[in-house]
C-alpha atoms as a PDB file:
ATOM      1  CA  MET A   1      97.848 117.038 135.936  1.00  0.00           C
ATOM      2  CA  ASN A   2      95.179 114.406 136.302  1.00  0.00           C
ATOM      3  CA  VAL A   3      96.123 112.117 133.411  1.00  0.00           C
ATOM      4  CA  LEU A   4      92.886 110.105 133.403  1.00  0.00           C
ATOM      5  CA  ASP A   5      90.688 113.215 133.336  1.00  0.00           C
ATOM      6  CA  LYS A   6      92.739 114.601 130.467  1.00  0.00           C
ATOM      7  CA  TRP A   7      92.672 111.301 128.545  1.00  0.00           C
ATOM      8  CA  PHE A   8      88.904 110.915 128.951  1.00  0.00           C
ATOM      9  CA  GLY A   9      88.329 114.597 128.271  1.00  0.00           C
ATOM     10  CA  TYR A  10      89.586 114.326 124.728  1.00  0.00           C
ATOM     11  CA  ARG A  11      87.612 111.157 124.051  1.00  0.00           C
ATOM     12  CA  ARG A  12      84.165 112.230 125.240  1.00  0.00           C
ATOM     13  CA  LYS A  13      81.261 112.740 122.869  1.00  0.00           C
ATOM     14  CA  GLU A  14      81.679 116.462 123.562  1.00  0.00           C
ATOM     15  CA  PRO A  15      85.472 116.653 124.040  1.00  0.00           C
ATOM     16  CA  ALA A  16      87.119 118.979 126.504  1.00  0.00           C
ATOM     17  CA  GLY A  17      89.628 121.585 125.473  1.00  0.00           C
ATOM     18  CA  LYS A  18      89.699 124.692 123.347  1.00  0.00           C
ATOM     19  CA  ARG A  19      88.676 124.634 119.718  1.00  0.00           C
ATOM     20  CA  ARG A  20      91.212 126.705 117.789  1.00  0.00           C
ATOM     21  CA  LEU A  21      91.471 124.818 114.528  1.00  0.00           C
ATOM     22  CA  GLU A  22      88.879 123.352 112.201  1.00  0.00           C
ATOM     23  CA  LEU A  23      90.456 119.953 112.821  1.00  0.00           C
ATOM     24  CA  ASP A  24      89.638 120.299 116.550  1.00  0.00           C
ATOM     25  CA  CYS A  25      85.957 119.910 115.638  1.00  0.00           C
ATOM     26  CA  VAL A  26      86.523 116.462 114.127  1.00  0.00           C
ATOM     27  CA  VAL A  27      85.662 114.068 116.951  1.00  0.00           C
ATOM     28  CA  ALA A  28      84.670 110.432 117.283  1.00  0.00           C
ATOM     29  CA  ARG A  29      80.982 109.821 117.920  1.00  0.00           C
ATOM     30  CA  ARG A  30      81.478 106.388 119.482  1.00  0.00           C
ATOM     31  CA  TRP A  31      83.980 104.593 121.691  1.00  0.00           C
ATOM     32  CA  SER A  32      86.847 103.166 119.671  1.00  0.00           C
ATOM     33  CA  PRO A  33      88.131  99.665 120.538  1.00  0.00           C
ATOM     34  CA  ASP A  34      91.643 101.133 120.324  1.00  0.00           C
ATOM     35  CA  TRP A  35      90.780 103.391 123.239  1.00  0.00           C
ATOM     36  CA  THR A  36      90.071 100.360 125.390  1.00  0.00           C
ATOM     37  CA  SER A  37      93.606  99.145 124.693  1.00  0.00           C
ATOM     38  CA  GLU A  38      95.022 102.613 125.422  1.00  0.00           C
ATOM     39  CA  LEU A  39      93.086 102.798 128.686  1.00  0.00           C
ATOM     40  CA  LEU A  40      94.317  99.382 129.806  1.00  0.00           C
ATOM     41  CA  THR A  41      97.877 100.430 128.962  1.00  0.00           C
ATOM     42  CA  LEU A  42      97.415 103.583 131.049  1.00  0.00           C
ATOM     43  CA  PHE A  43      96.160 101.526 133.998  1.00  0.00           C
ATOM     44  CA  ASN A  44      99.143  99.171 133.677  1.00  0.00           C
ATOM     45  CA  ILE A  45     101.553 102.107 133.658  1.00  0.00           C
ATOM     46  CA  PHE A  46      99.885 103.578 136.740  1.00  0.00           C
ATOM     47  CA  GLY A  47     100.166 100.205 138.461  1.00  0.00           C
ATOM     48  CA  LEU A  48     103.858  99.982 137.649  1.00  0.00           C
ATOM     49  CA  LEU A  49     104.447 103.508 138.922  1.00  0.00           C
ATOM     50  CA  VAL A  50     102.663 102.735 142.186  1.00  0.00           C
ATOM     51  CA  GLN A  51     104.866  99.651 142.610  1.00  0.00           C
ATOM     52  CA  GLU A  52     107.927 101.879 142.298  1.00  0.00           C
ATOM     53  CA  GLU A  53     106.799 104.418 144.915  1.00  0.00           C
ATOM     54  CA  PRO A  54     109.039 103.009 147.687  1.00  0.00           C
ATOM     55  CA  ALA A  55     112.095 103.218 145.446  1.00  0.00           C
ATOM     56  CA  GLN A  56     111.114 106.699 144.306  1.00  0.00           C
ATOM     57  CA  ARG A  57     110.698 107.787 147.931  1.00  0.00           C
ATOM     58  CA  GLU A  58     114.247 106.580 148.716  1.00  0.00           C
ATOM     59  CA  LEU A  59     115.645 108.526 145.783  1.00  0.00           C
ATOM     60  CA  LEU A  60     113.960 111.708 146.906  1.00  0.00           C
END
């Protein structure tokens, strides 16, 4: 799964994904400052995972 595509998909003006419930139609119409924090956290996690690739390779 491409985590960034999925994360952005749900936060677009016209969000990705199926609409099954009425609540699915409730979407933000502007970028939330909280999303900036979430995105930076995601990037930090990706960076940490990349740092651990050599150790992960040894385990596998």
